[in-house]
C-alpha atoms as a PDB file:
ATOM      1  CA  MET A   1    -118.153  81.310-154.609  1.00  0.00           C
ATOM      2  CA  ASN A   2    -115.829  78.374-153.964  1.00  0.00           C
ATOM      3  CA  THR A   3    -113.346  79.257-151.255  1.00  0.00           C
ATOM      4  CA  ARG A   4    -111.673  75.861-151.225  1.00  0.00           C
ATOM      5  CA  GLY A   5    -108.336  75.051-152.834  1.00  0.00           C
ATOM      6  CA  PRO A   6    -107.578  72.624-155.675  1.00  0.00           C
ATOM      7  CA  VAL A   7    -109.882  69.690-156.337  1.00  0.00           C
ATOM      8  CA  VAL A   8    -108.443  66.291-155.402  1.00  0.00           C
ATOM      9  CA  ALA A   9    -110.146  63.104-156.340  1.00  0.00           C
ATOM     10  CA  VAL A  10    -109.794  60.099-154.057  1.00  0.00           C
ATOM     11  CA  ILE A  11    -110.546  56.724-155.757  1.00  0.00           C
ATOM     12  CA  ASP A  12    -110.650  53.748-153.427  1.00  0.00           C
ATOM     13  CA  ASP A  13    -113.149  50.940-153.023  1.00  0.00           C
ATOM     14  CA  ASP A  14    -113.042  51.332-149.242  1.00  0.00           C
ATOM     15  CA  ALA A  15    -115.562  53.974-148.283  1.00  0.00           C
ATOM     16  CA  ALA A  16    -113.815  54.512-144.923  1.00  0.00           C
ATOM     17  CA  VAL A  17    -110.541  55.399-146.697  1.00  0.00           C
ATOM     18  CA  CYS A  18    -112.421  57.756-148.980  1.00  0.00           C
ATOM     19  CA  GLU A  19    -114.094  59.545-146.047  1.00  0.00           C
ATOM     20  CA  SER A  20    -111.081  59.729-143.794  1.00  0.00           C
ATOM     21  CA  THR A  21    -108.998  61.097-146.667  1.00  0.00           C
ATOM     22  CA  ARG A  22    -111.763  63.613-147.499  1.00  0.00           C
ATOM     23  CA  PHE A  23    -111.822  64.744-143.897  1.00  0.00           C
ATOM     24  CA  LEU A  24    -108.020  65.204-143.839  1.00  0.00           C
ATOM     25  CA  LEU A  25    -107.799  67.064-147.090  1.00  0.00           C
ATOM     26  CA  GLU A  26    -110.817  69.331-146.439  1.00  0.00           C
ATOM     27  CA  THR A  27    -109.192  70.325-143.103  1.00  0.00           C
ATOM     28  CA  TYR A  28    -106.389  71.736-145.250  1.00  0.00           C
ATOM     29  CA  ASP A  29    -108.843  73.524-147.596  1.00  0.00           C
ATOM     30  CA  PHE A  30    -108.787  71.117-150.512  1.00  0.00           C
ATOM     31  CA  GLU A  31    -112.015  70.377-152.301  1.00  0.00           C
ATOM     32  CA  VAL A  32    -112.406  66.603-152.414  1.00  0.00           C
ATOM     33  CA  ARG A  33    -114.422  64.210-154.658  1.00  0.00           C
ATOM     34  CA  THR A  34    -114.563  60.577-153.792  1.00  0.00           C
ATOM     35  CA  TYR A  35    -115.162  57.542-156.034  1.00  0.00           C
ATOM     36  CA  LEU A  36    -115.427  53.829-155.091  1.00  0.00           C
ATOM     37  CA  SER A  37    -114.256  52.671-158.506  1.00  0.00           C
ATOM     38  CA  GLY A  38    -112.202  53.783-161.440  1.00  0.00           C
ATOM     39  CA  ALA A  39    -115.310  53.271-163.648  1.00  0.00           C
ATOM     40  CA  ASP A  40    -117.211  55.721-161.529  1.00  0.00           C
ATOM     41  CA  PHE A  41    -114.427  58.296-161.874  1.00  0.00           C
ATOM     42  CA  LEU A  42    -114.226  57.833-165.652  1.00  0.00           C
ATOM     43  CA  ARG A  43    -118.042  58.066-165.919  1.00  0.00           C
ATOM     44  CA  ASP A  44    -118.088  61.404-163.928  1.00  0.00           C
ATOM     45  CA  ASN A  45    -114.991  62.674-165.804  1.00  0.00           C
ATOM     46  CA  PRO A  46    -114.341  65.544-163.249  1.00  0.00           C
ATOM     47  CA  ASP A  47    -111.861  68.294-163.693  1.00  0.00           C
ATOM     48  CA  VAL A  48    -109.424  67.679-160.875  1.00  0.00           C
ATOM     49  CA  ALA A  49    -105.976  68.937-159.985  1.00  0.00           C
ATOM     50  CA  CYS A  50    -104.697  65.632-158.486  1.00  0.00           C
ATOM     51  CA  LEU A  51    -105.673  62.015-157.994  1.00  0.00           C
ATOM     52  CA  ILE A  52    -105.169  59.712-155.022  1.00  0.00           C
ATOM     53  CA  VAL A  53    -105.840  56.238-156.490  1.00  0.00           C
ATOM     54  CA  ASP A  54    -105.834  52.878-154.753  1.00  0.00           C
ATOM     55  CA  TYR A  55    -104.002  50.135-156.736  1.00  0.00           C
ATOM     56  CA  GLN A  56    -106.556  47.502-155.801  1.00  0.00           C
ATOM     57  CA  LEU A  57    -109.792  48.608-157.380  1.00  0.00           C
ATOM     58  CA  PRO A  58    -112.711  46.420-158.652  1.00  0.00           C
ATOM     59  CA  SER A  59    -112.539  45.625-162.370  1.00  0.00           C
ATOM     60  CA  LEU A  60    -110.149  48.434-163.288  1.00  0.00           C
ATOM     61  CA  ASN A  61    -107.066  48.643-161.019  1.00  0.00           C
ATOM     62  CA  GLY A  62    -105.409  51.936-160.277  1.00  0.00           C
ATOM     63  CA  LEU A  63    -102.671  51.457-162.855  1.00  0.00           C
ATOM     64  CA  ALA A  64    -105.212  50.612-165.580  1.00  0.00           C
ATOM     65  CA  LEU A  65    -107.170  53.716-164.593  1.00  0.00           C
ATOM     66  CA  ILE A  66    -104.136  56.002-164.888  1.00  0.00           C
ATOM     67  CA  SER A  67    -103.122  54.296-168.116  1.00  0.00           C
ATOM     68  CA  GLU A  68    -106.582  55.000-169.531  1.00  0.00           C
ATOM     69  CA  LEU A  69    -106.372  58.614-168.511  1.00  0.00           C
ATOM     70  CA  ARG A  70    -102.907  58.954-170.113  1.00  0.00           C
ATOM     71  CA  MET A  71    -104.284  57.457-173.374  1.00  0.00           C
ATOM     72  CA  ARG A  72    -107.008  60.070-173.252  1.00  0.00           C
ATOM     73  CA  GLY A  73    -104.385  62.736-173.061  1.00  0.00           C
ATOM     74  CA  SER A  74    -104.690  63.617-169.320  1.00  0.00           C
ATOM     75  CA  LEU A  75    -101.569  64.418-167.511  1.00  0.00           C
ATOM     76  CA  VAL A  76    -103.298  64.926-164.147  1.00  0.00           C
ATOM     77  CA  PRO A  77    -100.784  64.190-161.299  1.00  0.00           C
ATOM     78  CA  ALA A  78    -101.569  61.062-159.433  1.00  0.00           C
ATOM     79  CA  ILE A  79    -100.541  59.382-156.174  1.00  0.00           C
ATOM     80  CA  MET A  80    -100.888  55.627-155.948  1.00  0.00           C
ATOM     81  CA  ILE A  81    -101.904  54.147-152.591  1.00  0.00           C
ATOM     82  CA  THR A  82    -101.617  50.344-151.930  1.00  0.00           C
ATOM     83  CA  ALA A  83    -101.852  47.870-149.075  1.00  0.00           C
ATOM     84  CA  THR A  84     -98.883  45.843-150.391  1.00  0.00           C
ATOM     85  CA  THR A  85     -95.546  46.709-151.809  1.00  0.00           C
ATOM     86  CA  ASP A  86     -94.686  45.371-155.259  1.00  0.00           C
ATOM     87  CA  PRO A  87     -91.655  46.527-157.204  1.00  0.00           C
ATOM     88  CA  ALA A  88     -93.487  45.779-160.519  1.00  0.00           C
ATOM     89  CA  VAL A  89     -96.369  48.038-159.454  1.00  0.00           C
ATOM     90  CA  GLU A  90     -93.951  50.783-158.512  1.00  0.00           C
ATOM     91  CA  ARG A  91     -92.081  50.458-161.870  1.00  0.00           C
ATOM     92  CA  ARG A  92     -95.287  50.623-163.831  1.00  0.00           C
ATOM     93  CA  ALA A  93     -96.472  53.553-161.789  1.00  0.00           C
ATOM     94  CA  ALA A  94     -93.221  55.417-162.560  1.00  0.00           C
ATOM     95  CA  GLU A  95     -93.692  54.654-166.240  1.00  0.00           C
ATOM     96  CA  LEU A  96     -97.089  56.336-166.103  1.00  0.00           C
ATOM     97  CA  GLY A  97     -95.618  59.426-164.410  1.00  0.00           C
ATOM     98  CA  ILE A  98     -96.661  58.569-160.859  1.00  0.00           C
ATOM     99  CA  ARG A  99     -93.955  59.818-158.503  1.00  0.00           C
ATOM    100  CA  GLU A 100     -95.451  58.619-155.243  1.00  0.00           C
ATOM    101  CA  VAL A 101     -96.619  55.168-154.256  1.00  0.00           C
ATOM    102  CA  LEU A 102     -97.688  55.213-150.655  1.00  0.00           C
ATOM    103  CA  GLN A 103     -98.295  52.279-148.415  1.00  0.00           C
ATOM    104  CA  LYS A 104    -101.502  51.865-146.349  1.00  0.00           C
ATOM    105  CA  PRO A 105    -102.148  52.633-143.636  1.00  0.00           C
ATOM    106  CA  LEU A 106    -101.515  56.133-144.857  1.00  0.00           C
ATOM    107  CA  SER A 107     -99.539  58.662-142.839  1.00  0.00           C
ATOM    108  CA  ASN A 108    -101.488  61.891-142.822  1.00  0.00           C
ATOM    109  CA  GLN A 109     -98.331  63.974-143.049  1.00  0.00           C
ATOM    110  CA  MET A 110     -96.871  61.850-145.974  1.00  0.00           C
ATOM    111  CA  LEU A 111    -100.111  62.045-147.854  1.00  0.00           C
ATOM    112  CA  LEU A 112    -100.363  65.807-147.394  1.00  0.00           C
ATOM    113  CA  ARG A 113     -96.689  66.266-148.439  1.00  0.00           C
ATOM    114  CA  ALA A 114     -97.228  64.128-151.583  1.00  0.00           C
ATOM    115  CA  VAL A 115    -100.455  66.123-152.601  1.00  0.00           C
ATOM    116  CA  ARG A 116     -98.743  69.441-152.083  1.00  0.00           C
ATOM    117  CA  GLU A 117     -95.705  68.336-154.070  1.00  0.00           C
ATOM    118  CA  GLU A 118     -97.894  67.143-156.944  1.00  0.00           C
ATOM    119  CA  LEU A 119     -99.703  70.478-157.003  1.00  0.00           C
ATOM    120  CA  ALA A 120     -96.543  72.627-156.736  1.00  0.00           C
END
């Protein structure tokens, strides 16, 4: 029997970011699946409650991934993470229904707050 909470997917090409985010979220009883690319996530097609997606991904950036999911009819909540701020990225993220664009390095408390808000 699964005693963990909602499933959160972390999609980032930096394995260290994936693992540190996994550790943080599992500490707060989330179940976490990690992916190093958007293509890996799409191939696996997991049933998740929330996504944490890096903007800068190989071949399929975070916005393109979310756009593809929206075209497939998925309304899964998503949080965009990025190393650089770009108003155009933030505007496009908002158009895709992404309410949070967080800057790296990530604040644990800000990330937890954002995930909890997306799942509320």
